[in-house]
Amino acid sequence: MVKLSVIVPFYNVQQYAPDTLKSLRANTREDFEFIFVDDCSTDETPDILARAERELPGVVHVRHKKNGGLATARNTGIDKARGEYLTFLDGDDWLAPDYFPRLLAAIEELGCDFVRTDHVVCTAKARSIARVPQGRRGVVLNPRDAILPADRSTSVDYAYAWAGIYHRRLVDRGLLHFTDGLRTAEDRPWIWKLHREAESFATVGLLGVFYRRGVASSLTQIGDVRQLDFIRAFDQVIEETAADRDADQLLPKAVRTYCAIMAHHLGSIERFEPAVARKLRSLSSAALKRMPQDVLAEVMDSMDPQRASRLRRLRRRPTSARTVAA
């Protein structure tokens, strides 16, 4: 039986894939499988993965005929996975040796639905540690209890899918798949769903994922229209949270996070192409009008004046019926 399935999407990462694959070789075990999803790369990535398939034990290699984005690639991997546990890695990141065996041991000892871990942020040669915003370590907790408070960073703000490990029962319950087609912020509806609907989780102080930040080909560095998928992602968070039994308590957190991300993008709007910048303003204005207005008013009253003023101006902006529907 496969104990652990590791899902690794790749897209045009020929510069970084060799480091990723080298680190996976230092994390092999007879009962591990590595599901490589090539999301229709157009560089040398397919050749690199073909060689790795011959050299690395446990590889399952899937190639998309059409680029679908990270969420769709991860879903392909989830559908192929046979393991009792699943985890993720991005094709331009890497691992410490024997990290996966230690991560697997942690969740087996705790016996919970999922475990979250800290990670190392790598910006050029600089290194820093990003920690899960959860103070209680190594104990099993109720995921719903880790969503709040609204005015502080919590576990739902630490949305990295690869910073953790997940029991197969989450797949069986329909909680591990991502929203198909989301090009960015795909982790946001996903992490909120996990915390609303899973039964147990834990955080451990295990370092082993090295996250490569500032990659030129990353969507976070590219100011094109795909970046605007954060609006679709957070619309989903708001809609699903509004239907939750604890909506009154949870919605302020969801709305506040949405507003913070929106204000961040508006604050650096010059990095977007002009047409995309105009679309960002119009879609953001429509999104503000879709939010629960009483909750939104309270959230903006509690935000810092600069961000709140930026959002209030956008909220007053006339919006066409077509944009609101979008």
Protein backbone atom coordinates (compact mmCIF):
# COMPACT_ATOMS: atom_id res chain seq x y z
CA MET A 1 0.00 0.00 0.00
CA VAL A 2 1.18 3.53 -0.78
CA LYS A 3 1.62 5.42 2.47
CA LEU A 4 2.30 8.92 1.10
CA SER A 5 1.44 10.58 -2.22
CA VAL A 6 3.46 13.69 -3.05
CA ILE A 7 1.78 15.90 -5.68
CA VAL A 8 4.19 18.16 -7.60
CA PRO A 9 2.88 20.42 -10.39
CA PHE A 10 5.48 21.71 -12.86
CA TYR A 11 5.14 24.52 -15.40
CA ASN A 12 8.12 26.04 -17.22
CA VAL A 13 10.53 25.60 -14.31
CA GLN A 14 13.55 24.18 -16.15
CA GLN A 15 15.85 26.41 -14.09
CA TYR A 16 14.59 25.11 -10.75
CA ALA A 17 13.25 21.61 -11.38
CA PRO A 18 16.67 19.89 -10.98
CA ASP A 19 16.93 21.20 -7.37
CA THR A 20 13.36 20.08 -6.68
CA LEU A 21 14.03 16.60 -8.05
CA LYS A 22 17.34 16.25 -6.22
CA SER A 23 15.58 17.01 -2.94
CA LEU A 24 12.89 14.43 -3.72
CA ARG A 25 15.57 11.78 -4.19
CA ALA A 26 16.60 12.46 -0.60
CA ASN A 27 13.00 11.83 0.49
CA THR A 28 12.21 8.52 -1.18
CA ARG A 29 10.79 5.45 0.52
CA GLU A 30 9.38 2.21 -0.85
CA ASP A 31 5.84 3.20 0.14
CA PHE A 32 6.03 6.78 -1.24
CA GLU A 33 4.81 7.87 -4.67
CA PHE A 34 5.62 11.14 -6.46
CA ILE A 35 2.96 12.41 -8.84
CA PHE A 36 4.50 14.82 -11.35
CA VAL A 37 1.90 16.91 -13.17
CA ASP A 38 3.44 18.75 -16.11
CA ASP A 39 0.93 21.53 -16.80
CA CYS A 40 1.79 21.72 -20.54
CA SER A 41 5.26 23.22 -20.12
CA THR A 42 6.82 24.78 -23.22
CA ASP A 43 10.48 24.83 -22.07
CA GLU A 44 12.81 21.93 -21.19
CA THR A 45 10.76 20.87 -18.15
CA PRO A 46 9.17 17.82 -19.90
CA ASP A 47 12.62 16.41 -20.78
CA ILE A 48 13.83 16.92 -17.21
CA LEU A 49 10.77 15.11 -15.85
CA ALA A 50 11.17 12.25 -18.36
CA ARG A 51 14.71 11.63 -17.07
CA ALA A 52 13.53 11.85 -13.46
CA GLU A 53 10.81 9.29 -14.16
CA ARG A 54 13.52 6.78 -15.09
CA GLU A 55 15.80 7.62 -12.15
CA LEU A 56 13.47 8.33 -9.22
CA PRO A 57 11.49 5.45 -7.68
CA GLY A 58 7.74 5.84 -7.26
CA VAL A 59 7.15 8.44 -9.99
CA VAL A 60 3.74 8.78 -11.65
CA HIS A 61 4.11 11.22 -14.57
CA VAL A 62 1.06 13.03 -15.98
CA ARG A 63 1.17 15.66 -18.72
CA HIS A 64 -1.67 18.09 -19.39
CA LYS A 65 -2.42 18.77 -23.05
CA LYS A 66 -3.56 22.28 -22.09
CA ASN A 67 -2.28 24.58 -19.36
CA GLY A 68 -4.88 24.69 -16.59
CA GLY A 69 -3.10 26.46 -13.75
CA LEU A 70 -1.93 25.34 -10.35
CA ALA A 71 -5.33 24.45 -8.89
CA THR A 72 -6.21 22.22 -11.83
CA ALA A 73 -2.77 20.56 -11.79
CA ARG A 74 -3.08 19.79 -8.09
CA ASN A 75 -6.54 18.32 -8.64
CA THR A 76 -5.11 16.02 -11.32
CA GLY A 77 -2.54 14.85 -8.78
CA ILE A 78 -5.16 14.31 -6.08
CA ASP A 79 -7.24 12.20 -8.47
CA LYS A 80 -4.19 10.04 -9.27
CA ALA A 81 -3.02 9.68 -5.66
CA ARG A 82 -3.22 6.28 -3.99
CA GLY A 83 -1.63 7.15 -0.67
CA GLU A 84 -3.12 7.00 2.81
CA TYR A 85 -1.72 10.53 3.21
CA LEU A 86 -1.17 13.30 0.67
CA THR A 87 1.10 16.33 0.53
CA PHE A 88 2.17 18.90 -2.04
CA LEU A 89 5.31 20.56 -3.35
CA ASP A 90 5.66 23.22 -6.04
CA GLY A 91 8.01 22.54 -8.94
CA ASP A 92 10.36 25.42 -8.09
CA ASP A 93 10.74 24.69 -4.35
CA TRP A 94 12.80 22.05 -2.55
CA LEU A 95 13.04 19.95 0.62
CA ALA A 96 15.45 19.07 3.38
CA PRO A 97 16.64 15.41 3.33
CA ASP A 98 14.25 12.98 5.09
CA TYR A 99 11.64 15.71 5.59
CA PHE A 100 8.71 13.64 4.31
CA PRO A 101 9.38 10.64 6.59
CA ARG A 102 9.46 13.01 9.58
CA LEU A 103 6.29 14.77 8.42
CA LEU A 104 4.51 11.44 8.00
CA ALA A 105 5.61 10.33 11.47
CA ALA A 106 4.18 13.54 12.94
CA ILE A 107 0.67 13.07 11.56
CA GLU A 108 0.63 9.36 12.37
CA GLU A 109 1.54 10.12 15.97
CA LEU A 110 -1.09 12.86 16.28
CA GLY A 111 -3.84 10.94 14.41
CA CYS A 112 -5.57 14.08 13.08
CA ASP A 113 -7.04 15.07 9.71
CA PHE A 114 -4.18 17.39 8.76
CA VAL A 115 -0.96 18.85 10.08
CA ARG A 116 0.51 22.27 9.27
CA THR A 117 4.21 23.11 9.33
CA ASP A 118 6.49 26.13 9.27
CA HIS A 119 8.69 26.74 6.21
CA VAL A 120 11.85 28.52 5.07
CA VAL A 121 11.44 31.52 2.76
CA CYS A 122 14.30 31.84 0.25
CA THR A 123 14.71 35.21 -1.49
CA ALA A 124 17.90 35.06 -3.55
CA LYS A 125 20.50 34.09 -0.93
CA ALA A 126 18.52 35.38 2.07
CA ARG A 127 16.70 32.92 4.35
CA SER A 128 13.93 33.52 6.88
CA ILE A 129 11.45 31.32 8.73
CA ALA A 130 7.70 31.70 8.22
CA ARG A 131 5.72 30.19 11.08
CA VAL A 132 2.15 28.97 11.21
CA PRO A 133 0.22 31.62 13.20
CA GLN A 134 -0.84 29.09 15.81
CA GLY A 135 0.73 29.17 19.25
CA ARG A 136 -0.18 25.67 20.41
CA ARG A 137 2.17 23.13 18.87
CA GLY A 138 2.01 19.35 18.82
CA VAL A 139 -1.57 19.11 20.14
CA VAL A 140 -4.72 18.18 18.25
CA LEU A 141 -7.16 21.10 17.88
CA ASN A 142 -10.53 21.88 16.33
CA PRO A 143 -9.83 23.60 12.98
CA ARG A 144 -12.82 25.94 13.37
CA ASP A 145 -11.33 27.33 16.57
CA ALA A 146 -8.24 28.46 14.63
CA ILE A 147 -10.08 30.77 12.20
CA LEU A 148 -10.53 33.69 14.60
CA PRO A 149 -9.86 36.35 15.85
CA ALA A 150 -10.71 38.55 12.91
CA ASP A 151 -8.14 41.25 13.65
CA ARG A 152 -5.08 39.00 13.88
CA SER A 153 -3.27 36.65 11.54
CA THR A 154 -4.57 33.10 12.05
CA SER A 155 -4.23 29.68 10.47
CA VAL A 156 -6.52 30.54 7.52
CA ASP A 157 -4.09 33.30 6.56
CA TYR A 158 -1.30 30.72 6.28
CA ALA A 159 -2.72 29.18 3.12
CA TYR A 160 0.27 27.29 1.67
CA ALA A 161 -0.93 23.83 0.65
CA TRP A 162 2.63 22.45 0.63
CA ALA A 163 3.17 23.42 4.28
CA GLY A 164 1.43 20.36 5.64
CA ILE A 165 0.18 16.80 5.21
CA TYR A 166 -3.39 15.55 4.82
CA HIS A 167 -5.20 12.28 5.55
CA ARG A 168 -7.01 10.59 2.65
CA ARG A 169 -10.33 10.87 4.49
CA LEU A 170 -10.28 14.56 3.53
CA VAL A 171 -10.29 13.53 -0.14
CA ASP A 172 -13.16 11.12 0.52
CA ARG A 173 -15.12 13.95 2.16
CA GLY A 174 -14.51 16.31 -0.77
CA LEU A 175 -12.37 18.72 1.25
CA LEU A 176 -8.96 18.48 -0.42
CA HIS A 177 -9.67 19.47 -4.02
CA PHE A 178 -9.08 23.03 -5.20
CA THR A 179 -11.42 25.26 -7.18
CA ASP A 180 -10.70 24.22 -10.75
CA GLY A 181 -9.24 26.92 -12.99
CA LEU A 182 -8.17 29.42 -10.32
CA ARG A 183 -4.85 30.91 -11.44
CA THR A 184 -3.94 32.60 -8.18
CA ALA A 185 -5.15 32.61 -4.55
CA GLU A 186 -6.22 28.99 -5.15
CA ASP A 187 -5.16 28.13 -1.59
CA ARG A 188 -7.58 30.62 0.01
CA PRO A 189 -10.99 28.92 -0.50
CA TRP A 190 -9.19 25.63 0.09
CA ILE A 191 -7.77 26.51 3.52
CA TRP A 192 -11.04 28.10 4.65
CA LYS A 193 -12.95 24.95 3.65
CA LEU A 194 -10.49 22.77 5.54
CA HIS A 195 -10.81 24.84 8.69
CA ARG A 196 -14.60 25.05 8.51
CA GLU A 197 -15.28 21.40 7.73
CA ALA A 198 -12.41 19.14 8.84
CA GLU A 199 -12.61 17.68 12.33
CA SER A 200 -9.05 17.92 13.65
CA PHE A 201 -5.65 19.42 12.92
CA ALA A 202 -2.34 20.20 14.56
CA THR A 203 0.68 22.42 14.00
CA VAL A 204 4.23 21.15 14.38
CA GLY A 205 7.53 23.02 14.41
CA LEU A 206 9.05 20.96 11.62
CA LEU A 207 11.18 22.80 9.08
CA GLY A 208 11.89 21.17 5.74
CA VAL A 209 10.16 23.03 2.90
CA PHE A 210 12.24 25.72 1.18
CA TYR A 211 9.93 28.17 -0.59
CA ARG A 212 11.57 30.04 -3.45
CA ARG A 213 10.20 33.59 -3.38
CA GLY A 214 10.52 36.17 -6.14
CA VAL A 215 10.71 33.73 -9.07
CA ALA A 216 10.31 35.84 -12.21
CA SER A 217 7.84 33.41 -13.82
CA SER A 218 5.63 33.22 -10.71
CA LEU A 219 2.19 34.77 -11.02
CA THR A 220 2.89 36.81 -7.90
CA GLN A 221 5.57 38.61 -9.94
CA ILE A 222 3.53 39.04 -13.12
CA GLY A 223 0.99 41.87 -13.41
CA ASP A 224 -1.37 40.26 -15.89
CA VAL A 225 -5.05 39.42 -15.74
CA ARG A 226 -4.49 36.05 -14.05
CA GLN A 227 -3.65 37.93 -10.85
CA LEU A 228 -7.26 39.08 -10.67
CA ASP A 229 -8.43 35.56 -9.86
CA PHE A 230 -8.00 36.54 -6.21
CA ILE A 231 -11.45 38.14 -6.58
CA ARG A 232 -13.03 34.86 -7.68
CA ALA A 233 -11.21 33.08 -4.89
CA PHE A 234 -12.37 35.43 -2.14
CA ASP A 235 -15.89 35.68 -3.54
CA GLN A 236 -16.01 31.94 -2.97
CA VAL A 237 -14.70 32.33 0.58
CA ILE A 238 -17.40 34.92 1.34
CA GLU A 239 -20.20 32.90 -0.25
CA GLU A 240 -19.31 29.66 1.54
CA THR A 241 -18.67 31.35 4.87
CA ALA A 242 -22.00 33.20 4.65
CA ALA A 243 -23.71 29.79 4.43
CA ASP A 244 -21.86 28.47 7.50
CA ARG A 245 -23.69 27.88 10.77
CA ASP A 246 -21.32 30.37 12.45
CA ALA A 247 -21.50 32.98 9.69
CA ASP A 248 -22.08 35.87 12.09
CA GLN A 249 -18.78 35.15 13.84
CA LEU A 250 -16.70 34.11 10.81
CA LEU A 251 -17.74 36.64 8.16
CA PRO A 252 -15.85 39.60 9.71
CA LYS A 253 -12.62 37.60 9.37
CA ALA A 254 -13.37 36.63 5.75
CA VAL A 255 -14.35 40.17 4.76
CA ARG A 256 -11.36 41.71 6.52
CA THR A 257 -8.93 39.36 4.76
CA TYR A 258 -10.57 40.03 1.39
CA CYS A 259 -10.30 43.79 1.96
CA ALA A 260 -6.66 43.53 3.03
CA ILE A 261 -5.70 41.58 -0.11
CA MET A 262 -7.68 43.96 -2.30
CA ALA A 263 -6.02 47.00 -0.71
CA HIS A 264 -2.61 45.37 -1.20
CA HIS A 265 -3.18 44.95 -4.94
CA LEU A 266 -4.60 48.46 -5.30
CA GLY A 267 -1.63 49.85 -3.39
CA SER A 268 0.78 48.39 -5.97
CA ILE A 269 -1.43 48.91 -9.01
CA GLU A 270 1.42 50.38 -11.05
CA ARG A 271 2.87 46.88 -11.57
CA PHE A 272 -0.20 45.87 -13.58
CA GLU A 273 -0.65 46.44 -17.29
CA PRO A 274 -2.93 49.50 -17.81
CA ALA A 275 -5.93 47.48 -19.02
CA VAL A 276 -5.53 45.06 -16.10
CA ALA A 277 -5.27 47.96 -13.64
CA ARG A 278 -8.57 49.36 -14.90
CA LYS A 279 -10.16 45.93 -14.60
CA LEU A 280 -8.78 45.55 -11.08
CA ARG A 281 -10.49 48.79 -10.02
CA SER A 282 -13.83 47.91 -11.61
CA LEU A 283 -13.89 44.31 -10.34
CA SER A 284 -12.85 45.42 -6.86
CA SER A 285 -15.58 48.06 -6.79
CA ALA A 286 -18.18 45.45 -7.76
CA ALA A 287 -16.80 43.00 -5.21
CA LEU A 288 -17.13 45.55 -2.40
CA LYS A 289 -20.78 46.01 -3.34
CA ARG A 290 -21.36 42.23 -3.16
CA MET A 291 -19.99 41.91 0.36
CA PRO A 292 -22.32 42.01 3.39
CA GLN A 293 -22.53 45.78 3.74
CA ASP A 294 -22.93 45.91 7.52
CA VAL A 295 -19.88 43.67 8.01
CA LEU A 296 -17.92 45.65 5.41
CA ALA A 297 -18.65 48.95 7.17
CA GLU A 298 -17.39 47.58 10.49
CA VAL A 299 -14.27 46.14 8.85
CA MET A 300 -13.38 49.42 7.13
CA ASP A 301 -13.90 51.32 10.38
CA SER A 302 -11.30 49.06 12.00
CA MET A 303 -8.70 49.27 9.19
CA ASP A 304 -5.86 51.77 9.03
CA PRO A 305 -6.99 55.10 7.50
CA GLN A 306 -5.00 54.82 4.28
CA ARG A 307 -6.34 51.44 3.25
CA ALA A 308 -9.86 52.23 4.45
CA SER A 309 -9.92 55.48 2.45
CA ARG A 310 -8.75 53.67 -0.68
CA LEU A 311 -11.53 51.11 -0.35
CA ARG A 312 -14.22 53.67 0.49
CA ARG A 313 -13.43 55.62 -2.67
CA LEU A 314 -13.69 52.45 -4.69
CA ARG A 315 -16.93 51.46 -2.97
CA ARG A 316 -18.53 54.76 -4.07
CA ARG A 317 -17.47 54.23 -7.67
CA PRO A 318 -20.36 53.59 -10.11
CA THR A 319 -20.33 50.02 -11.36
CA SER A 320 -21.94 48.66 -14.53
CA ALA A 321 -24.38 45.76 -14.33
CA ARG A 322 -21.97 43.62 -16.39
CA THR A 323 -19.13 44.15 -13.89
CA VAL A 324 -21.33 43.40 -10.87
CA ALA A 325 -22.44 40.15 -12.50
CA ALA A 326 -18.83 39.17 -13.18
